[in-house]
Structure formats: C-alpha cells, structure tokens
C-alpha atoms as a PDB file:
ATOM      1  CA  MET A   1      73.259 103.077 138.832  1.00  0.00           C
ATOM      2  CA  LYS A   2      76.271 100.917 139.601  1.00  0.00           C
ATOM      3  CA  LYS A   3      79.733 102.450 139.182  1.00  0.00           C
ATOM      4  CA  ALA A   4      82.132 100.651 136.908  1.00  0.00           C
ATOM      5  CA  SER A   5      84.889  99.035 138.899  1.00  0.00           C
ATOM      6  CA  ARG A   6      88.480  99.813 138.136  1.00  0.00           C
ATOM      7  CA  ARG A   7      90.372  97.172 136.284  1.00  0.00           C
ATOM      8  CA  SER A   8      92.812  95.332 138.436  1.00  0.00           C
ATOM      9  CA  ARG A   9      96.393  95.637 137.312  1.00  0.00           C
ATOM     10  CA  SER A  10      97.579  92.605 135.477  1.00  0.00           C
ATOM     11  CA  PRO A  11     100.991  91.079 136.059  1.00  0.00           C
ATOM     12  CA  HIS A  12     101.915  92.652 132.716  1.00  0.00           C
ATOM     13  CA  SER A  13     101.307  96.223 133.832  1.00  0.00           C
ATOM     14  CA  SER A  14     103.945  98.774 132.911  1.00  0.00           C
ATOM     15  CA  SER A  15     105.474  98.828 136.393  1.00  0.00           C
ATOM     16  CA  VAL A  16     105.994  95.061 136.439  1.00  0.00           C
ATOM     17  CA  ILE A  17     107.369  95.114 132.914  1.00  0.00           C
ATOM     18  CA  ARG A  18     109.751  97.927 133.847  1.00  0.00           C
ATOM     19  CA  GLU A  19     110.895  95.987 136.927  1.00  0.00           C
ATOM     20  CA  GLN A  20     111.815  93.109 134.639  1.00  0.00           C
ATOM     21  CA  GLY A  21     113.883  95.515 132.530  1.00  0.00           C
ATOM     22  CA  LEU A  22     111.628  95.183 129.509  1.00  0.00           C
ATOM     23  CA  VAL A  23     111.221  98.281 127.386  1.00  0.00           C
ATOM     24  CA  PRO A  24     108.437  99.166 124.931  1.00  0.00           C
ATOM     25  CA  VAL A  25     110.829  98.938 121.995  1.00  0.00           C
ATOM     26  CA  SER A  26     111.270  95.955 119.705  1.00  0.00           C
ATOM     27  CA  CYS A  27     114.575  94.615 118.438  1.00  0.00           C
ATOM     28  CA  PRO A  28     115.507  96.203 115.098  1.00  0.00           C
ATOM     29  CA  ASP A  29     116.815  92.866 113.805  1.00  0.00           C
ATOM     30  CA  CYS A  30     114.210  90.306 114.881  1.00  0.00           C
ATOM     31  CA  SER A  31     111.344  92.382 116.369  1.00  0.00           C
ATOM     32  CA  GLY A  32     111.718  90.512 119.653  1.00  0.00           C
ATOM     33  CA  VAL A  33     111.207  92.055 123.061  1.00  0.00           C
ATOM     34  CA  LEU A  34     114.088  94.198 124.321  1.00  0.00           C
ATOM     35  CA  ARG A  35     115.199  94.448 127.905  1.00  0.00           C
ATOM     36  CA  GLN A  36     117.465  97.120 129.276  1.00  0.00           C
ATOM     37  CA  GLU A  37     120.493  96.117 131.291  1.00  0.00           C
ATOM     38  CA  ASP A  38     122.917  98.365 133.122  1.00  0.00           C
ATOM     39  CA  GLU A  39     126.526  97.548 132.328  1.00  0.00           C
ATOM     40  CA  GLY A  40     129.677  98.635 134.092  1.00  0.00           C
ATOM     41  CA  ALA A  41     130.392 101.087 136.865  1.00  0.00           C
ATOM     42  CA  HIS A  42     128.827 103.993 134.948  1.00  0.00           C
ATOM     43  CA  ASP A  43     125.478 102.271 134.392  1.00  0.00           C
ATOM     44  CA  TYR A  44     126.004 102.073 130.646  1.00  0.00           C
ATOM     45  CA  SER A  45     122.667 100.990 129.125  1.00  0.00           C
ATOM     46  CA  LEU A  46     122.620  97.903 126.984  1.00  0.00           C
ATOM     47  CA  TYR A  47     119.529  96.649 125.169  1.00  0.00           C
ATOM     48  CA  VAL A  48     119.301  92.901 124.617  1.00  0.00           C
ATOM     49  CA  CYS A  49     116.571  90.929 122.851  1.00  0.00           C
ATOM     50  CA  GLN A  50     115.354  87.395 123.373  1.00  0.00           C
ATOM     51  CA  ILE A  51     117.886  85.919 120.968  1.00  0.00           C
ATOM     52  CA  ASN A  52     120.742  88.075 122.243  1.00  0.00           C
ATOM     53  CA  HIS A  53     120.986  90.865 119.685  1.00  0.00           C
ATOM     54  CA  ARG A  54     122.727  93.604 121.677  1.00  0.00           C
ATOM     55  CA  TYR A  55     122.599  97.376 121.290  1.00  0.00           C
ATOM     56  CA  SER A  56     124.090 100.333 123.028  1.00  0.00           C
ATOM     57  CA  THR A  57     121.752 103.304 123.276  1.00  0.00           C
ATOM     58  CA  ARG A  58     123.493 104.913 120.300  1.00  0.00           C
ATOM     59  CA  SER A  59     123.375 101.786 118.127  1.00  0.00           C
ATOM     60  CA  LEU A  60     119.694 101.260 119.008  1.00  0.00           C
ATOM     61  CA  ILE A  61     118.904 104.816 117.952  1.00  0.00           C
ATOM     62  CA  HIS A  62     120.751 104.331 114.643  1.00  0.00           C
ATOM     63  CA  ALA A  63     119.019 101.007 113.968  1.00  0.00           C
ATOM     64  CA  LYS A  64     115.572 102.454 114.737  1.00  0.00           C
ATOM     65  CA  GLU A  65     116.273 105.512 112.555  1.00  0.00           C
ATOM     66  CA  ALA A  66     117.167 103.163 109.699  1.00  0.00           C
ATOM     67  CA  GLN A  67     113.881 101.323 110.260  1.00  0.00           C
ATOM     68  CA  VAL A  68     111.915 104.567 110.129  1.00  0.00           C
ATOM     69  CA  GLU A  69     113.592 105.561 106.885  1.00  0.00           C
ATOM     70  CA  HIS A  70     112.921 102.130 105.382  1.00  0.00           C
ATOM     71  CA  VAL A  71     109.234 102.233 106.386  1.00  0.00           C
ATOM     72  CA  LEU A  72     108.763 105.743 105.002  1.00  0.00           C
ATOM     73  CA  TRP A  73     110.405 104.850 101.679  1.00  0.00           C
ATOM     74  CA  SER A  74     108.260 101.698 101.512  1.00  0.00           C
ATOM     75  CA  ALA A  75     105.124 103.774 102.063  1.00  0.00           C
ATOM     76  CA  SER A  76     106.258 106.158  99.335  1.00  0.00           C
ATOM     77  CA  VAL A  77     106.711 103.289  96.884  1.00  0.00           C
ATOM     78  CA  PHE A  78     103.318 101.768  97.774  1.00  0.00           C
ATOM     79  CA  LEU A  79     101.621 105.105  97.184  1.00  0.00           C
ATOM     80  CA  LYS A  80     103.314 105.482  93.777  1.00  0.00           C
ATOM     81  CA  GLN A  81     102.071 102.015  92.889  1.00  0.00           C
ATOM     82  CA  MET A  82      98.547 102.924  94.003  1.00  0.00           C
ATOM     83  CA  LEU A  83      98.695 106.088  91.904  1.00  0.00           C
ATOM     84  CA  PHE A  84      99.696 104.049  88.858  1.00  0.00           C
ATOM     85  CA  ILE A  85      96.911 101.508  89.422  1.00  0.00           C
ATOM     86  CA  TYR A  86      94.213 104.175  89.831  1.00  0.00           C
ATOM     87  CA  GLN A  87      95.428 106.110  86.797  1.00  0.00           C
ATOM     88  CA  GLU A  88      95.471 102.932  84.713  1.00  0.00           C
ATOM     89  CA  ALA A  89      91.996 102.028  85.940  1.00  0.00           C
ATOM     90  CA  LEU A  90      90.686 105.425  84.892  1.00  0.00           C
ATOM     91  CA  ARG A  91      92.428 105.196  81.530  1.00  0.00           C
ATOM     92  CA  THR A  92      91.445 101.644  80.618  1.00  0.00           C
ATOM     93  CA  THR A  93      88.169 100.883  82.396  1.00  0.00           C
ATOM     94  CA  LYS A  94      85.101 101.719  80.385  1.00  0.00           C
ATOM     95  CA  GLN A  95      82.491 100.225  82.735  1.00  0.00           C
ATOM     96  CA  CYS A  96      82.988 102.746  85.571  1.00  0.00           C
ATOM     97  CA  SER A  97      80.047 104.933  86.408  1.00  0.00           C
ATOM     98  CA  PRO A  98      80.619 108.686  86.655  1.00  0.00           C
ATOM     99  CA  ALA A  99      80.378 108.348  90.458  1.00  0.00           C
ATOM    100  CA  GLU A 100      83.077 105.638  90.518  1.00  0.00           C
ATOM    101  CA  ARG A 101      85.317 107.765  88.270  1.00  0.00           C
ATOM    102  CA  ARG A 102      84.906 110.722  90.653  1.00  0.00           C
ATOM    103  CA  LEU A 103      85.798 108.482  93.616  1.00  0.00           C
ATOM    104  CA  MET A 104      88.922 107.245  91.830  1.00  0.00           C
ATOM    105  CA  GLN A 105      89.909 110.801  90.901  1.00  0.00           C
ATOM    106  CA  ARG A 106      89.424 111.863  94.518  1.00  0.00           C
ATOM    107  CA  ARG A 107      91.575 108.955  95.655  1.00  0.00           C
ATOM    108  CA  ILE A 108      94.280 109.893  93.125  1.00  0.00           C
ATOM    109  CA  HIS A 109      94.290 113.386  94.610  1.00  0.00           C
ATOM    110  CA  GLU A 110      94.555 111.938  98.149  1.00  0.00           C
ATOM    111  CA  VAL A 111      97.374 109.571  97.167  1.00  0.00           C
ATOM    112  CA  ARG A 112      99.331 112.439  95.602  1.00  0.00           C
ATOM    113  CA  LYS A 113      98.935 114.498  98.793  1.00  0.00           C
ATOM    114  CA  GLN A 114      99.918 111.546 100.983  1.00  0.00           C
ATOM    115  CA  SER A 115     102.946 110.853  98.806  1.00  0.00           C
ATOM    116  CA  LEU A 116     104.075 114.474  99.081  1.00  0.00           C
ATOM    117  CA  ALA A 117     103.580 114.394 102.856  1.00  0.00           C
ATOM    118  CA  ILE A 118     105.707 111.267 103.226  1.00  0.00           C
ATOM    119  CA  ARG A 119     108.433 112.701 100.990  1.00  0.00           C
ATOM    120  CA  ALA A 120     108.415 115.835 103.155  1.00  0.00           C
ATOM    121  CA  MET A 121     108.756 113.657 106.268  1.00  0.00           C
ATOM    122  CA  ILE A 122     111.729 111.836 104.741  1.00  0.00           C
ATOM    123  CA  GLU A 123     113.405 115.079 103.718  1.00  0.00           C
ATOM    124  CA  ALA A 124     112.723 116.716 107.097  1.00  0.00           C
ATOM    125  CA  THR A 125     114.263 113.887 109.108  1.00  0.00           C
ATOM    126  CA  HIS A 126     117.594 114.749 110.687  1.00  0.00           C
ATOM    127  CA  ALA A 127     118.744 111.633 112.475  1.00  0.00           C
ATOM    128  CA  ILE A 128     121.745 111.988 114.727  1.00  0.00           C
ATOM    129  CA  GLU A 129     124.974 110.658 113.281  1.00  0.00           C
END
C-alpha cells in the first residue's frame, strides 16, 4: 500500500502570511484583510486593512466585541422570527400530518432552547471597556 504524501506548503501557508504581516482577523468596517504593523519605538501594534481602516489593538478589540454583540442579537431576532413562523404554521395549517406537527413542535422546542442559550451568551459577555 502506498503512503499518502504530505501536502507541500503553499505560498499562502501561515508562516508566509505571518511574514507579510497579515493576521487571521478581518477588518470590522469592510471585512478586508488586516495586516499588523509595528509603530514607534515601543513596537505599538497597528492593524490596517486593504483600504486603510486603521486600528490600535484596543480599538480592534472594541470593534470586534461590537460585531460579536451585533451577531448574537441578530441570531436572537432570527430565532424569535422562526418561533413565530412555526407557531403560526401549527395554528393555521390544517394539512399537516401528525408526524409533521410533531416535527414542528420539536423544532419549536429547539428554537426556544437556542434562543435562551444565545441570550445567556449575550448576558454573560463582559467585554473590556
């Protein structure tokens, strides 16, 4: 049996990317690629995207925390909408088989649990100020 050969490292491997100053974090404003630059005598880190949005480490953290909060609240809203749709479907649809009704009821239960979990995540987040 022939052994599988190791993949050769592409020019986009993590070490090459790191050498170019690129970081695995997207720009909070435009989602472009960020690169890390050292500024000043104290090697102050600055993160700059392709279109020149600029962040200190602190401002990048704050912007990313705001993104997380926005995404979690969006997920919470989507789940509430799904709950409404499933409940309305159960209330108004007469053609559902008993099996379909059970599946919808199970999904309502799952959506409620997911919604509670996301709310708990939002409430448990303590971003640095």
